Amino acid sequence: MAGTITGGCQCGAVRFAIDRLGTASICHCRMCQKAFGNFFATLVYVEDVTWTRGERAIFQSSDTNWRGFCKECGTPLTYEFDKHIEIAVGALDNPDLAAPTVQVNAQFQRRCFSKLGTLPEKPPAQQAEDAQWNASVVSHQHPDHDT
């Protein structure tokens, strides 16, 4: 399908296709922090998703919410509630398509989050070492496209 937005998990066991993306958000709630192992979750609302390879596993994170993930590699894939579904932006083949436009549950934002943009970068010599090391790594991740 031309224009179809695709994505999937890190290992490629689960893949999906979406026709249109809705609003993308950053959620700071504690459930999202734990589900993503991060300071927040970046999610995008979708009307419908077609699972094109494999099936997501589901964890019921509360009495009204479910989290979808890959049972093989653990990649977070969905946040589901009231017959609505949001997809993890990082699971999209092109995450740039879903730039967040709103933050939700900001009262749970980790204190350090507001300072992330002010953190210094590593010195150029260390960046060069990192780049050299990164170039030597052989990735076992599924590529950012259907195979």
C-alpha atoms as a PDB file:
ATOM      1  CA  MET A   1       0.000   0.000   0.000  1.00  0.00           C
ATOM      2  CA  ALA A   2       1.440   3.340  -1.013  1.00  0.00           C
ATOM      3  CA  GLY A   3       1.664   5.738   1.881  1.00  0.00           C
ATOM      4  CA  THR A   4       1.314   3.010   4.484  1.00  0.00           C
ATOM      5  CA  ILE A   5       3.273   3.672   7.660  1.00  0.00           C
ATOM      6  CA  THR A   6       5.103   0.605   8.938  1.00  0.00           C
ATOM      7  CA  GLY A   7       6.954  -0.440  12.023  1.00  0.00           C
ATOM      8  CA  GLY A   8       7.760  -3.282  14.319  1.00  0.00           C
ATOM      9  CA  CYS A   9       9.826  -4.611  17.154  1.00  0.00           C
ATOM     10  CA  GLN A  10      13.587  -4.781  17.507  1.00  0.00           C
ATOM     11  CA  CYS A  11      13.899  -8.427  16.419  1.00  0.00           C
ATOM     12  CA  GLY A  12      11.343  -8.321  13.579  1.00  0.00           C
ATOM     13  CA  ALA A  13       9.029 -10.984  15.034  1.00  0.00           C
ATOM     14  CA  VAL A  14       6.173  -8.434  15.143  1.00  0.00           C
ATOM     15  CA  ARG A  15       5.457  -5.976  12.324  1.00  0.00           C
ATOM     16  CA  PHE A  16       2.536  -3.632  11.709  1.00  0.00           C
ATOM     17  CA  ALA A  17       1.064  -1.213   9.167  1.00  0.00           C
ATOM     18  CA  ILE A  18      -0.940   1.956   9.778  1.00  0.00           C
ATOM     19  CA  ASP A  19      -2.748   4.144   7.239  1.00  0.00           C
ATOM     20  CA  ARG A  20      -2.759   7.375   9.254  1.00  0.00           C
ATOM     21  CA  LEU A  21      -1.209   8.728  12.433  1.00  0.00           C
ATOM     22  CA  GLY A  22      -3.036  10.869  14.957  1.00  0.00           C
ATOM     23  CA  THR A  23      -1.672  13.020  17.757  1.00  0.00           C
ATOM     24  CA  ALA A  24       1.720  12.060  19.173  1.00  0.00           C
ATOM     25  CA  SER A  25       2.381  12.674  22.841  1.00  0.00           C
ATOM     26  CA  ILE A  26       4.880  12.204  25.616  1.00  0.00           C
ATOM     27  CA  CYS A  27       3.357  10.531  28.670  1.00  0.00           C
ATOM     28  CA  HIS A  28       5.087  10.947  32.018  1.00  0.00           C
ATOM     29  CA  CYS A  29       2.870   8.627  34.102  1.00  0.00           C
ATOM     30  CA  ARG A  30       4.593   6.021  36.232  1.00  0.00           C
ATOM     31  CA  MET A  31       3.027   3.127  34.286  1.00  0.00           C
ATOM     32  CA  CYS A  32       4.524   4.452  31.034  1.00  0.00           C
ATOM     33  CA  GLN A  33       7.878   5.007  32.743  1.00  0.00           C
ATOM     34  CA  LYS A  34       7.955   1.394  33.861  1.00  0.00           C
ATOM     35  CA  ALA A  35       6.549  -0.018  30.595  1.00  0.00           C
ATOM     36  CA  PHE A  36       9.248   1.752  28.567  1.00  0.00           C
ATOM     37  CA  GLY A  37      12.027   1.610  31.176  1.00  0.00           C
ATOM     38  CA  ASN A  38      12.517   5.314  30.611  1.00  0.00           C
ATOM     39  CA  PHE A  39      11.602   8.783  31.904  1.00  0.00           C
ATOM     40  CA  PHE A  40       8.504   8.798  29.661  1.00  0.00           C
ATOM     41  CA  ALA A  41       6.757   7.037  26.787  1.00  0.00           C
ATOM     42  CA  THR A  42       6.342   8.582  23.366  1.00  0.00           C
ATOM     43  CA  LEU A  43       3.105   7.355  21.789  1.00  0.00           C
ATOM     44  CA  VAL A  44       1.008   8.162  18.732  1.00  0.00           C
ATOM     45  CA  TYR A  45      -2.741   7.609  18.445  1.00  0.00           C
ATOM     46  CA  VAL A  46      -3.885   5.464  15.524  1.00  0.00           C
ATOM     47  CA  GLU A  47      -7.371   4.677  14.259  1.00  0.00           C
ATOM     48  CA  ASP A  48      -6.474   1.164  13.186  1.00  0.00           C
ATOM     49  CA  VAL A  49      -3.392  -1.022  12.990  1.00  0.00           C
ATOM     50  CA  THR A  50      -2.851  -4.140  10.919  1.00  0.00           C
ATOM     51  CA  TRP A  51      -0.458  -6.689  12.376  1.00  0.00           C
ATOM     52  CA  THR A  52       1.471  -7.922   9.334  1.00  0.00           C
ATOM     53  CA  ARG A  53       3.861 -10.334  11.056  1.00  0.00           C
ATOM     54  CA  GLY A  54       3.505 -12.113  14.361  1.00  0.00           C
ATOM     55  CA  GLU A  55       1.317 -11.089  17.262  1.00  0.00           C
ATOM     56  CA  ARG A  56       1.964  -8.740  20.121  1.00  0.00           C
ATOM     57  CA  ALA A  57       1.814 -10.089  23.638  1.00  0.00           C
ATOM     58  CA  ILE A  58      -0.480  -8.195  26.003  1.00  0.00           C
ATOM     59  CA  PHE A  59       0.015  -7.196  29.629  1.00  0.00           C
ATOM     60  CA  GLN A  60      -2.941  -5.694  31.490  1.00  0.00           C
ATOM     61  CA  SER A  61      -1.183  -2.851  33.324  1.00  0.00           C
ATOM     62  CA  SER A  62      -4.345  -1.686  35.133  1.00  0.00           C
ATOM     63  CA  ASP A  63      -8.041  -2.459  35.255  1.00  0.00           C
ATOM     64  CA  THR A  64      -8.582  -0.273  32.144  1.00  0.00           C
ATOM     65  CA  ASN A  65      -5.260  -0.324  30.243  1.00  0.00           C
ATOM     66  CA  TRP A  66      -3.208  -2.844  28.307  1.00  0.00           C
ATOM     67  CA  ARG A  67       0.378  -2.774  27.025  1.00  0.00           C
ATOM     68  CA  GLY A  68       1.392  -4.606  23.878  1.00  0.00           C
ATOM     69  CA  PHE A  69       4.973  -5.791  23.408  1.00  0.00           C
ATOM     70  CA  CYS A  70       7.058  -8.337  21.527  1.00  0.00           C
ATOM     71  CA  LYS A  71       7.324 -11.522  23.576  1.00  0.00           C
ATOM     72  CA  GLU A  72      10.611 -12.375  21.824  1.00  0.00           C
ATOM     73  CA  CYS A  73      12.669  -9.192  22.335  1.00  0.00           C
ATOM     74  CA  GLY A  74      10.553  -7.142  24.763  1.00  0.00           C
ATOM     75  CA  THR A  75      10.065  -4.077  22.552  1.00  0.00           C
ATOM     76  CA  PRO A  76       7.149  -1.949  23.836  1.00  0.00           C
ATOM     77  CA  LEU A  77       4.599  -1.618  21.008  1.00  0.00           C
ATOM     78  CA  THR A  78       1.232  -0.355  22.230  1.00  0.00           C
ATOM     79  CA  TYR A  79      -0.796   1.360  24.894  1.00  0.00           C
ATOM     80  CA  GLU A  80      -4.447   0.318  24.676  1.00  0.00           C
ATOM     81  CA  PHE A  81      -7.570   1.554  26.480  1.00  0.00           C
ATOM     82  CA  ASP A  82     -11.322   1.810  25.824  1.00  0.00           C
ATOM     83  CA  LYS A  83     -10.920   0.295  22.315  1.00  0.00           C
ATOM     84  CA  HIS A  84      -8.272   2.949  21.513  1.00  0.00           C
ATOM     85  CA  ILE A  85      -4.717   2.154  20.578  1.00  0.00           C
ATOM     86  CA  GLU A  86      -1.523   4.151  20.648  1.00  0.00           C
ATOM     87  CA  ILE A  87       1.691   2.920  19.035  1.00  0.00           C
ATOM     88  CA  ALA A  88       5.168   3.447  20.475  1.00  0.00           C
ATOM     89  CA  VAL A  89       6.756   6.112  18.274  1.00  0.00           C
ATOM     90  CA  GLY A  90      10.154   4.395  18.512  1.00  0.00           C
ATOM     91  CA  ALA A  91       8.641   1.263  16.960  1.00  0.00           C
ATOM     92  CA  LEU A  92       7.794   3.145  13.735  1.00  0.00           C
ATOM     93  CA  ASP A  93      10.222   2.578  10.869  1.00  0.00           C
ATOM     94  CA  ASN A  94      10.360   6.370  10.581  1.00  0.00           C
ATOM     95  CA  PRO A  95       9.803   7.889  14.042  1.00  0.00           C
ATOM     96  CA  ASP A  96      10.164  11.391  12.552  1.00  0.00           C
ATOM     97  CA  LEU A  97       6.612  10.976  11.214  1.00  0.00           C
ATOM     98  CA  ALA A  98       5.240  11.279  14.752  1.00  0.00           C
ATOM     99  CA  ALA A  99       6.861  14.247  16.452  1.00  0.00           C
ATOM    100  CA  PRO A 100       5.157  14.784  19.830  1.00  0.00           C
ATOM    101  CA  THR A 101       2.910  17.828  20.064  1.00  0.00           C
ATOM    102  CA  VAL A 102       1.721  17.492  23.671  1.00  0.00           C
ATOM    103  CA  GLN A 103       2.827  16.170  27.075  1.00  0.00           C
ATOM    104  CA  VAL A 104       0.397  14.316  29.308  1.00  0.00           C
ATOM    105  CA  ASN A 105       0.536  13.481  33.009  1.00  0.00           C
ATOM    106  CA  ALA A 106       3.201  16.152  33.471  1.00  0.00           C
ATOM    107  CA  GLN A 107       2.720  16.029  37.242  1.00  0.00           C
ATOM    108  CA  PHE A 108       4.671  12.723  37.137  1.00  0.00           C
ATOM    109  CA  GLN A 109       7.547  14.146  35.101  1.00  0.00           C
ATOM    110  CA  ARG A 110      10.924  13.162  36.576  1.00  0.00           C
ATOM    111  CA  ARG A 111      12.731  16.178  37.990  1.00  0.00           C
ATOM    112  CA  CYS A 112      15.785  15.675  35.780  1.00  0.00           C
ATOM    113  CA  PHE A 113      13.718  15.682  32.570  1.00  0.00           C
ATOM    114  CA  SER A 114      13.395  19.459  32.417  1.00  0.00           C
ATOM    115  CA  LYS A 115      17.203  19.750  32.371  1.00  0.00           C
ATOM    116  CA  LEU A 116      17.973  17.210  29.627  1.00  0.00           C
ATOM    117  CA  GLY A 117      18.332  19.881  26.932  1.00  0.00           C
ATOM    118  CA  THR A 118      20.987  21.665  28.956  1.00  0.00           C
ATOM    119  CA  LEU A 119      23.292  18.677  29.474  1.00  0.00           C
ATOM    120  CA  PRO A 120      26.668  19.073  27.770  1.00  0.00           C
ATOM    121  CA  GLU A 121      27.784  16.768  24.981  1.00  0.00           C
ATOM    122  CA  LYS A 122      30.882  14.634  25.332  1.00  0.00           C
ATOM    123  CA  PRO A 123      34.116  16.335  24.217  1.00  0.00           C
ATOM    124  CA  PRO A 124      34.938  15.907  20.488  1.00  0.00           C
ATOM    125  CA  ALA A 125      37.687  13.336  21.146  1.00  0.00           C
ATOM    126  CA  GLN A 126      35.257  11.103  23.074  1.00  0.00           C
ATOM    127  CA  GLN A 127      32.613  11.585  20.387  1.00  0.00           C
ATOM    128  CA  ALA A 128      35.136  10.403  17.788  1.00  0.00           C
ATOM    129  CA  GLU A 129      35.930   7.323  19.910  1.00  0.00           C
ATOM    130  CA  ASP A 130      32.208   6.611  20.259  1.00  0.00           C
ATOM    131  CA  ALA A 131      31.707   6.975  16.502  1.00  0.00           C
ATOM    132  CA  GLN A 132      34.553   4.555  15.817  1.00  0.00           C
ATOM    133  CA  TRP A 133      33.158   2.029  18.292  1.00  0.00           C
ATOM    134  CA  ASN A 134      29.614   2.446  16.897  1.00  0.00           C
ATOM    135  CA  ALA A 135      30.931   1.792  13.376  1.00  0.00           C
ATOM    136  CA  SER A 136      32.425  -1.510  14.565  1.00  0.00           C
ATOM    137  CA  VAL A 137      29.137  -2.817  15.971  1.00  0.00           C
ATOM    138  CA  VAL A 138      27.255  -5.395  13.890  1.00  0.00           C
ATOM    139  CA  SER A 139      23.549  -4.846  14.517  1.00  0.00           C
ATOM    140  CA  HIS A 140      21.197  -7.799  14.883  1.00  0.00           C
ATOM    141  CA  GLN A 141      18.138  -5.544  14.863  1.00  0.00           C
ATOM    142  CA  HIS A 142      15.511  -5.911  12.190  1.00  0.00           C
ATOM    143  CA  PRO A 143      15.969  -3.158   9.568  1.00  0.00           C
ATOM    144  CA  ASP A 144      13.594  -0.197   9.473  1.00  0.00           C
ATOM    145  CA  HIS A 145      11.561  -1.632   6.617  1.00  0.00           C
ATOM    146  CA  ASP A 146       9.560  -4.738   5.806  1.00  0.00           C
ATOM    147  CA  THR A 147      11.492  -7.828   4.761  1.00  0.00           C
END
